[in-house]
Protein backbone atom coordinates (compact mmCIF):
# COMPACT_ATOMS: atom_id res chain seq x y z
CA UNK A 1 0.00 0.00 0.01
CA UNK A 2 2.82 2.45 0.77
CA UNK A 3 4.50 1.87 -2.59
CA UNK A 4 1.28 2.74 -4.38
CA UNK A 5 0.95 6.09 -2.29
CA UNK A 6 4.37 7.08 -3.21
CA UNK A 7 4.15 6.27 -7.00
CA UNK A 8 1.08 8.36 -7.37
CA UNK A 9 2.89 11.95 -6.66
CA UNK A 10 5.82 10.98 -8.73
CA UNK A 11 3.66 10.21 -11.68
CA UNK A 12 1.82 13.62 -11.43
CA UNK A 13 5.18 15.49 -11.30
CA UNK A 14 6.31 13.75 -14.53
CA UNK A 15 3.05 14.62 -16.22
CA UNK A 16 3.34 18.48 -15.19
CA UNK A 17 6.84 18.49 -16.56
CA UNK A 18 5.87 17.19 -20.03
CA UNK A 19 2.96 19.66 -20.21
CA UNK A 20 5.38 22.65 -19.50
CA UNK A 21 7.81 21.85 -22.05
CA UNK A 22 5.57 22.76 -25.26
CA UNK A 23 4.53 26.02 -23.57
CA UNK A 24 8.10 27.07 -23.16
CA UNK A 25 8.80 26.46 -26.80
CA UNK A 26 5.74 28.50 -27.74
CA UNK A 27 6.86 31.34 -25.61
CA UNK A 28 10.41 31.39 -27.24
CA UNK A 29 8.79 31.27 -30.73
CA UNK A 30 6.61 34.28 -30.00
CA UNK A 31 9.60 36.26 -28.57
CA UNK A 32 11.64 35.50 -31.64
CA UNK A 33 8.79 36.84 -33.87
CA UNK A 34 8.28 40.00 -31.83
CA UNK A 35 12.01 41.04 -31.96
CA UNK A 36 12.02 41.58 -35.78
CA UNK A 37 8.76 43.53 -35.60
CA UNK A 38 10.11 45.71 -32.88
CA UNK A 39 13.33 46.42 -34.55
CA UNK A 40 11.36 47.34 -37.86
CA UNK A 41 9.21 49.53 -35.79
CA UNK A 42 12.22 51.42 -34.21
CA UNK A 43 13.82 51.87 -37.71
CA UNK A 44 10.55 53.38 -39.07
CA UNK A 45 10.20 55.70 -36.16
CA UNK A 46 13.94 56.73 -36.38
CA UNK A 47 13.38 57.49 -40.05
CA UNK A 48 10.23 59.67 -39.19
CA UNK A 49 12.05 61.41 -36.36
CA UNK A 50 14.96 62.30 -38.50
CA UNK A 51 12.67 63.60 -41.32
CA UNK A 52 10.51 65.80 -38.97
CA UNK A 53 13.81 67.20 -37.38
CA UNK A 54 15.10 67.97 -40.83
CA UNK A 55 11.81 69.71 -41.67
CA UNK A 56 11.73 71.61 -38.33
CA UNK A 57 15.40 72.73 -38.76
CA UNK A 58 14.58 74.00 -42.30
CA UNK A 59 11.65 75.89 -40.78
CA UNK A 60 13.64 77.58 -37.86
CA UNK A 61 16.92 78.31 -39.79
CA UNK A 62 15.55 81.45 -41.39
CA UNK A 63 14.02 82.83 -38.12
CA UNK A 64 17.47 82.08 -36.23
CA UNK A 65 19.32 83.82 -38.91
CA UNK A 66 16.96 86.70 -38.97
CA UNK A 67 17.20 87.37 -35.05
CA UNK A 68 20.94 86.85 -34.62
CA UNK A 69 23.31 88.99 -36.69
CA UNK A 70 26.42 87.61 -38.22
CA UNK A 71 29.38 87.76 -35.75
CA UNK A 72 31.23 89.93 -38.29
CA UNK A 73 28.40 92.45 -38.83
CA UNK A 74 29.44 95.94 -37.75
CA UNK A 75 27.15 97.69 -35.18
CA UNK A 76 26.36 101.26 -35.32
CA UNK A 77 28.22 103.37 -32.69
CA UNK A 78 26.24 105.71 -30.39
CA UNK A 79 25.63 109.36 -31.36
CA UNK A 80 26.61 112.71 -29.73
CA UNK A 81 27.91 112.64 -26.12
CA UNK A 82 26.58 115.48 -23.69
CA UNK A 83 28.55 116.17 -20.66
CA UNK A 84 27.28 118.55 -17.96
CA UNK A 85 28.47 119.61 -14.38
CA UNK A 86 26.25 118.27 -11.67
CA UNK A 87 25.14 120.94 -9.45
CA UNK A 88 25.12 121.11 -5.64
CA UNK A 89 28.14 119.03 -5.40
CA UNK A 90 31.92 119.45 -4.56
CA UNK A 91 32.89 119.44 -8.05
CA UNK A 92 33.50 115.69 -8.23
CA UNK A 93 30.68 114.52 -10.34
CA UNK A 94 29.46 114.97 -13.94
CA UNK A 95 26.24 114.16 -15.90
CA UNK A 96 27.02 112.06 -19.02
CA UNK A 97 24.49 111.16 -21.53
CA UNK A 98 24.53 110.07 -25.21
CA UNK A 99 22.27 109.15 -28.29
CA UNK A 100 21.69 105.61 -28.90
CA UNK A 101 21.99 104.32 -32.66
CA UNK A 102 18.99 104.13 -34.67
CA UNK A 103 19.52 100.50 -35.28
CA UNK A 104 20.10 98.65 -31.93
CA UNK A 105 19.92 95.07 -33.13
CA UNK A 106 22.76 93.03 -31.83
CA UNK A 107 23.78 95.62 -29.18
CA UNK A 108 24.36 93.95 -25.87
CA UNK A 109 25.76 96.99 -23.88
CA UNK A 110 27.57 100.32 -24.07
CA UNK A 111 31.08 100.90 -22.74
CA UNK A 112 31.83 104.53 -21.75
CA UNK A 113 35.52 105.46 -21.63
CA UNK A 114 37.08 108.64 -20.25
CA UNK A 115 40.38 110.44 -20.28
CA UNK A 116 41.70 113.97 -19.48
CA UNK A 117 41.48 116.28 -22.56
CA UNK A 118 44.80 116.42 -24.32
CA UNK A 119 45.95 112.85 -23.43
CA UNK A 120 47.00 110.63 -26.47
CA UNK A 121 47.24 106.92 -26.98
CA UNK A 122 44.84 104.06 -26.57
CA UNK A 123 46.32 103.36 -23.16
CA UNK A 124 44.92 106.61 -21.68
CA UNK A 125 41.38 105.68 -21.99
CA UNK A 126 39.76 104.35 -18.85
CA UNK A 127 36.51 102.27 -18.64
CA UNK A 128 34.24 104.68 -16.57
CA UNK A 129 30.71 102.76 -17.00
CA UNK A 130 29.06 99.77 -18.58
CA UNK A 131 25.50 100.43 -19.40
CA UNK A 132 23.16 97.66 -20.41
CA UNK A 133 21.38 98.19 -23.67
CA UNK A 134 18.03 98.16 -22.09
CA UNK A 135 18.99 100.92 -19.53
CA UNK A 136 18.82 104.68 -20.10
CA UNK A 137 21.95 106.09 -21.91
CA UNK A 138 22.98 108.41 -18.99
CA UNK A 139 24.81 108.09 -15.78
CA UNK A 140 26.52 110.15 -13.04
CA UNK A 141 30.43 109.88 -13.48
CA UNK A 142 32.41 110.12 -10.36
CA UNK A 143 30.62 107.66 -7.93
CA UNK A 144 33.62 105.14 -8.37
CA UNK A 145 36.18 105.94 -5.78
CA UNK A 146 38.79 104.18 -8.06
CA UNK A 147 38.14 106.68 -10.87
CA UNK A 148 37.31 109.99 -9.12
CA UNK A 149 36.51 113.26 -10.98
CA UNK A 150 38.98 116.09 -10.22
CA UNK A 151 37.39 119.59 -9.77
CA UNK A 152 38.59 121.97 -12.64
CA UNK A 153 39.65 119.21 -15.03
CA UNK A 154 38.25 118.99 -18.49
CA UNK A 155 37.67 115.38 -19.66
CA UNK A 156 36.96 113.68 -23.01
CA UNK A 157 34.63 110.72 -23.62
CA UNK A 158 33.87 108.12 -26.04
CA UNK A 159 31.24 105.39 -26.14
CA UNK A 160 31.28 101.96 -27.80
CA UNK A 161 28.51 99.65 -28.77
CA UNK A 162 29.23 96.10 -27.64
CA UNK A 163 27.81 92.77 -29.09
CA UNK A 164 27.57 89.39 -27.49
CA UNK A 165 31.06 88.42 -28.63
CA UNK A 166 32.55 91.53 -26.73
CA UNK A 167 33.42 93.38 -29.85
CA UNK A 168 33.47 97.21 -29.45
CA UNK A 169 32.49 99.79 -32.08
CA UNK A 170 33.59 103.15 -30.92
CA UNK A 171 31.91 106.62 -31.54
CA UNK A 172 34.11 109.75 -32.11
CA UNK A 173 35.63 111.12 -29.01
CA UNK A 174 33.93 114.09 -27.58
CA UNK A 175 35.52 116.68 -25.40
CA UNK A 176 33.30 117.54 -22.30
CA UNK A 177 31.41 120.69 -22.80
CA UNK A 178 31.61 121.64 -19.16
CA UNK A 179 34.21 121.38 -16.38
CA UNK A 180 33.35 120.00 -12.88
CA UNK A 181 33.13 122.84 -10.37
CA UNK A 182 32.13 122.78 -6.61
CA UNK A 183 29.18 125.07 -5.23
CA UNK A 184 29.51 126.87 -2.06
CA UNK A 185 25.87 126.47 -1.21
CA UNK A 186 23.59 123.31 -1.74
CA UNK A 187 20.18 124.79 -2.78
CA UNK A 188 18.56 121.59 -2.01
CA UNK A 189 19.23 122.06 1.65
CA UNK A 190 17.60 125.30 2.04
CA UNK A 191 14.67 123.85 4.29
CA UNK A 192 17.35 122.30 6.57
CA UNK A 193 19.11 125.67 6.79
CA UNK A 194 15.70 127.21 7.93
CA UNK A 195 15.08 124.55 10.41
CA UNK A 196 18.49 124.89 11.92
CA UNK A 197 18.23 128.74 12.06
CA UNK A 198 14.72 128.37 13.73
CA UNK A 199 16.16 125.90 16.36
CA UNK A 200 19.12 128.36 17.08
CA UNK A 201 16.64 131.25 17.43
CA UNK A 202 14.43 129.38 19.86
CA UNK A 203 17.44 128.37 22.00
CA UNK A 204 18.69 132.01 22.25
CA UNK A 205 15.16 133.26 22.80
CA UNK A 206 14.58 131.02 25.85
CA UNK A 207 18.07 131.72 27.04
CA UNK A 208 17.40 135.30 27.11
CA UNK A 209 14.13 134.73 29.06
CA UNK A 210 16.19 132.66 31.61
CA UNK A 211 18.76 135.39 32.01
CA UNK A 212 16.08 137.95 32.81
CA UNK A 213 14.90 135.61 35.67
CA UNK A 214 11.61 134.69 34.05
CA UNK A 215 10.35 131.34 35.53
CA UNK A 216 9.75 128.76 32.83
CA UNK A 217 7.99 125.55 33.34
CA UNK A 218 10.05 122.34 33.00
CA UNK A 219 8.47 118.98 33.26
CA UNK A 220 9.33 117.30 36.59
CA UNK A 221 11.55 114.31 36.41
CA UNK A 222 10.88 112.01 39.50
CA UNK A 223 14.55 110.74 39.54
CA UNK A 224 16.01 114.29 39.56
CA UNK A 225 13.46 115.41 42.27
CA UNK A 226 14.50 112.56 44.44
CA UNK A 227 18.21 113.51 44.61
CA UNK A 228 17.78 115.89 47.50
CA UNK A 229 15.75 113.26 49.44
CA UNK A 230 18.25 110.57 48.71
CA UNK A 231 21.21 112.69 50.08
CA UNK A 232 19.05 113.83 53.01
CA UNK A 233 18.42 110.23 53.94
CA UNK A 234 22.05 109.32 53.85
CA UNK A 235 22.84 112.35 56.02
CA UNK A 236 20.27 111.17 58.76
CA UNK A 237 21.46 107.69 58.69
CA UNK A 238 25.18 108.84 58.95
CA UNK A 239 26.03 106.67 55.86
CA UNK A 240 27.99 107.63 52.75
CA UNK A 241 26.81 108.25 49.26
CA UNK A 242 28.15 106.21 46.45
CA UNK A 243 28.45 107.73 43.03
CA UNK A 244 29.58 105.63 39.91
CA UNK A 245 30.10 107.89 36.83
CA UNK A 246 29.83 105.08 34.46
CA UNK A 247 32.45 102.78 32.85
CA UNK A 248 33.12 104.71 29.63
CA UNK A 249 35.60 107.41 28.74
CA UNK A 250 35.12 111.22 28.65
CA UNK A 251 34.62 110.71 24.79
CA UNK A 252 31.13 109.45 25.70
CA UNK A 253 28.43 112.07 25.91
CA UNK A 254 26.86 110.21 28.93
CA UNK A 255 29.97 110.27 30.87
CA UNK A 256 30.21 114.17 30.26
CA UNK A 257 26.57 114.61 31.56
CA UNK A 258 27.40 112.40 34.53
CA UNK A 259 30.37 114.38 35.66
CA UNK A 260 28.14 117.62 35.33
CA UNK A 261 25.63 115.95 37.71
CA UNK A 262 28.50 114.78 39.93
CA UNK A 263 29.18 118.43 40.51
CA UNK A 264 25.76 119.26 41.55
CA UNK A 265 25.32 116.30 43.81
CA UNK A 266 28.76 117.00 45.46
CA UNK A 267 27.71 120.54 46.10
CA UNK A 268 24.58 119.25 48.02
CA UNK A 269 26.77 116.68 49.86
CA UNK A 270 29.25 119.36 50.90
CA UNK A 271 26.39 121.44 52.23
CA UNK A 272 25.02 118.40 54.23
CA UNK A 273 28.56 117.18 55.37
CA UNK A 274 27.94 113.66 54.10
CA UNK A 275 30.68 111.35 53.21
CA UNK A 276 31.17 110.83 49.32
CA UNK A 277 32.61 107.81 47.55
CA UNK A 278 33.41 108.10 43.78
CA UNK A 279 35.14 105.01 42.37
CA UNK A 280 36.43 105.40 38.55
CA UNK A 281 37.48 103.09 36.02
CA UNK A 282 39.03 105.47 33.48
CA UNK A 283 41.97 107.63 34.58
CA UNK A 284 41.07 110.56 32.70
CA UNK A 285 37.52 110.37 34.14
CA UNK A 286 39.08 109.99 37.57
CA UNK A 287 40.97 113.29 37.11
CA UNK A 288 38.04 115.21 35.86
CA UNK A 289 35.74 113.80 38.70
CA UNK A 290 38.33 114.82 41.25
CA UNK A 291 38.38 118.28 40.08
CA UNK A 292 34.64 118.55 39.80
CA UNK A 293 34.17 117.46 43.41
CA UNK A 294 36.82 119.66 44.63
CA UNK A 295 35.30 122.69 42.82
CA UNK A 296 31.82 121.71 44.28
CA UNK A 297 33.15 121.79 47.79
CA UNK A 298 34.74 125.24 47.17
CA UNK A 299 31.48 126.73 45.75
CA UNK A 300 29.53 125.30 48.74
CA UNK A 301 31.91 127.21 51.03
CA UNK A 302 33.54 124.10 52.63
CA UNK A 303 36.81 123.48 51.06
CA UNK A 304 38.22 122.08 54.23
CA UNK A 305 35.71 119.40 54.27
CA UNK A 306 36.85 117.98 50.95
CA UNK A 307 38.49 114.46 51.21
CA UNK A 308 41.08 113.78 48.73
CA UNK A 309 40.36 110.05 49.25
CA UNK A 310 36.59 110.34 48.29
CA UNK A 311 37.47 110.21 44.58
CA UNK A 312 39.64 107.22 43.72
CA UNK A 313 40.68 104.97 40.92
CA UNK A 314 40.02 101.19 41.13
CA UNK A 315 41.03 99.38 37.85
CA UNK A 316 40.40 99.44 33.94
CA UNK A 317 39.13 95.93 33.94
CA UNK A 318 35.40 95.92 33.56
CA UNK A 319 34.47 93.14 35.90
CA UNK A 320 37.15 93.59 38.20
CA UNK A 321 35.92 97.22 38.75
CA UNK A 322 32.41 95.92 39.28
CA UNK A 323 33.73 93.41 41.93
CA UNK A 324 35.40 96.07 43.79
CA UNK A 325 32.43 98.46 43.77
CA UNK A 326 30.18 95.59 44.87
CA UNK A 327 32.80 94.94 47.75
CA UNK A 328 32.45 98.66 48.67
CA UNK A 329 28.61 98.40 48.95
CA UNK A 330 28.79 95.29 51.14
CA UNK A 331 31.51 96.73 53.55
CA UNK A 332 30.57 100.44 53.62
CA UNK A 333 26.73 99.99 53.40
CA UNK A 334 26.08 103.26 51.64
CA UNK A 335 22.52 104.84 52.04
CA UNK A 336 22.25 106.09 48.45
CA UNK A 337 23.71 104.86 45.25
CA UNK A 338 23.89 106.78 42.01
CA UNK A 339 24.64 105.00 38.57
CA UNK A 340 24.82 107.78 36.02
CA UNK A 341 26.68 107.41 32.70
CA UNK A 342 27.47 104.74 30.24
CA UNK A 343 27.09 101.03 31.51
CA UNK A 344 27.17 97.62 29.70
CA UNK A 345 26.71 94.04 31.12
CA UNK A 346 27.72 94.99 34.69
CA UNK A 347 24.72 97.22 35.20
CA UNK A 348 22.49 94.38 36.74
CA UNK A 349 25.34 93.24 38.94
CA UNK A 350 25.84 96.74 40.36
CA UNK A 351 22.19 97.43 40.76
CA UNK A 352 21.35 94.11 42.28
CA UNK A 353 24.11 94.29 44.83
CA UNK A 354 22.87 97.76 45.90
CA UNK A 355 19.36 96.57 46.05
CA UNK A 356 20.47 93.75 48.45
CA UNK A 357 22.32 96.43 50.58
CA UNK A 358 18.99 98.32 51.20
CA UNK A 359 20.21 101.69 49.55
CA UNK A 360 18.04 104.10 47.56
CA UNK A 361 19.28 103.77 44.07
CA UNK A 362 19.03 106.42 41.18
CA UNK A 363 20.32 105.32 37.86
CA UNK A 364 20.48 106.93 34.42
CA UNK A 365 21.84 106.01 31.07
CA UNK A 366 21.41 106.37 27.26
CA UNK A 367 22.32 102.64 26.73
CA UNK A 368 18.97 101.13 25.68
CA UNK A 369 20.03 97.59 26.38
CA UNK A 370 20.71 98.46 30.07
CA UNK A 371 17.70 100.47 30.89
CA UNK A 372 15.43 97.47 31.66
CA UNK A 373 17.90 96.23 34.37
CA UNK A 374 17.93 99.73 35.97
CA UNK A 375 14.30 100.20 35.86
CA UNK A 376 13.76 96.69 37.49
CA UNK A 377 16.24 97.06 40.27
CA UNK A 378 16.57 100.86 41.04
CA UNK A 379 14.09 103.19 42.76
CA UNK A 380 14.34 106.02 40.15
CA UNK A 381 15.69 105.83 36.53
CA UNK A 382 16.66 108.61 34.19
CA UNK A 383 15.91 107.43 30.66
CA UNK A 384 17.76 108.63 27.54
CA UNK A 385 18.08 112.34 27.36
CA UNK A 386 16.70 112.96 30.79
CA UNK A 387 20.32 112.16 31.88
CA UNK A 388 21.26 115.10 29.57
CA UNK A 389 18.83 117.46 31.04
CA UNK A 390 19.48 116.65 34.73
CA UNK A 391 22.24 119.23 35.05
CA UNK A 392 19.91 121.94 33.88
CA UNK A 393 17.11 120.77 36.20
CA UNK A 394 19.71 120.89 39.18
CA UNK A 395 21.63 124.03 38.45
CA UNK A 396 18.95 126.25 36.62
CA UNK A 397 21.78 127.88 34.69
CA UNK A 398 20.32 130.14 31.83
CA UNK A 399 22.39 128.48 29.15
CA UNK A 400 21.30 124.96 30.01
CA UNK A 401 17.68 125.84 30.65
CA UNK A 402 17.54 127.78 27.26
CA UNK A 403 18.95 124.71 25.53
CA UNK A 404 16.41 122.34 27.19
CA UNK A 405 13.52 124.67 26.42
CA UNK A 406 14.60 125.21 22.84
CA UNK A 407 14.83 121.59 22.22
CA UNK A 408 11.38 121.04 23.70
CA UNK A 409 10.07 123.80 21.50
CA UNK A 410 11.50 122.12 18.45
CA UNK A 411 10.04 118.82 19.41
CA UNK A 412 6.72 120.37 19.80
CA UNK A 413 6.85 121.91 16.18
CA UNK A 414 7.83 118.37 14.90
CA UNK A 415 4.92 116.74 16.81
CA UNK A 416 2.64 119.41 15.49
CA UNK A 417 3.63 118.61 11.85
CA UNK A 418 3.31 114.74 12.48
CA UNK A 419 -0.32 115.23 14.02
CA UNK A 420 -1.18 117.37 11.16
CA UNK A 421 0.01 114.93 8.51
CA UNK A 422 -1.68 112.15 10.43
CA UNK A 423 -5.04 113.98 10.20
CA UNK A 424 -4.66 114.94 6.53
CA UNK A 425 -3.66 111.35 5.57
CA UNK A 426 -6.76 109.92 7.24
CA UNK A 427 -8.88 112.49 5.35
CA UNK A 428 -7.18 111.65 2.03
CA UNK A 429 -7.98 107.99 2.73
CA UNK A 430 -11.61 108.61 3.56
CA UNK A 431 -12.47 111.43 0.95
CA UNK A 432 -10.03 110.35 -1.87
CA UNK A 433 -8.27 113.69 -1.77
CA UNK A 434 -4.69 114.81 -2.17
CA UNK A 435 -4.34 117.49 0.69
CA UNK A 436 -1.32 115.86 2.15
CA UNK A 437 0.82 116.64 -0.82
CA UNK A 438 1.30 120.33 0.06
CA UNK A 439 2.71 119.37 3.57
CA UNK A 440 4.99 116.91 2.00
CA UNK A 441 6.38 119.40 -0.41
CA UNK A 442 6.73 121.89 2.55
CA UNK A 443 8.90 119.75 4.82
CA UNK A 444 10.71 117.54 2.56
CA UNK A 445 14.01 118.56 0.83
CA UNK A 446 14.49 117.80 -2.75
CA UNK A 447 16.79 114.91 -3.50
CA UNK A 448 19.05 115.86 -6.50
CA UNK A 449 20.77 112.95 -8.19
């Protein structure tokens, strides 16, 4: 029985192999028949493609020949060259223009060459400008710092038409009709002159009012009004006042303003007989601060109360200076800290240490990046130009008060113009009018190219 069961699968496999053999022969025959047919179709399509390409080439050849000129075809050179002196300058610019040829086909760009009149030889020509064919045929000569225009020198120009191959076809050289000359007055800046004169007149007007003793209103600034209170608190507590005039040099405007305020503060301190400490980072600032404090004690009538050790130099290293000042705060425990001047990354270190010591802190700087730290950690902060106006607030000198009031008047005029322009702009949008144009012409200076 087992031999019968084994013989049945073997017999089935043999029958399957015999049935597959004719099918494989049939597939091979069909493949052999298809290959000649495919080759014949490819040859026919190749012949058709070649014929079509030849036909299309015959059709496109006249068009290409019509668009692109022959490489050896000469181009028409540009026409007459006009050279004019550019007004409102220092005599270092010329307006150059030329006429384009009537036939511009094949012209890719224009090369403008320049040399001083009277020079000879091809080597004397210098390329002054490359103008694309699609651009206007004019330019201002003298902008290139490597090829400047000398005042009072007459120049000679020539222009070349350039094709795609870089061949140049020159026009006749033309001597410049005008010589570059500088003007003493820029007529386009007349409005700026009027505005500057108005500003000076306002300053002198308020200066004369202050000299006559006329009281003028000045906007109160909390940080300045708190100076007397802070010095009085230090006097009552018997503790010193710490004044840091910034970390910059005397070349910084904020440092100059801080030294001016230092003189006012030192005068108050001399009157109250309160100890003063002024650490410095810059040696020159240290010298100026020492003289300012000494003069303040002299003006207060207490030159004998001046302590030479109250103004001292620490170090020029930024963070070493900060470490030294922080150590003074923690040891001496000053009742009032002034941070007025130019500060950088050390601003938060100083103000945070002073806040931990429990002192009243008044800061002021024109460094926008440091103002947030002072505003957060100090009791009062002078923002921007308030630092510059502080000395006028404290001393009430006629010159300083006149300058501050003159600046405020100019700011009021500018704000008025901005407000009027805003209103007219809204009316133009709503009513579709052009009332803002007259104000624009009034306040804007013409730009002369």
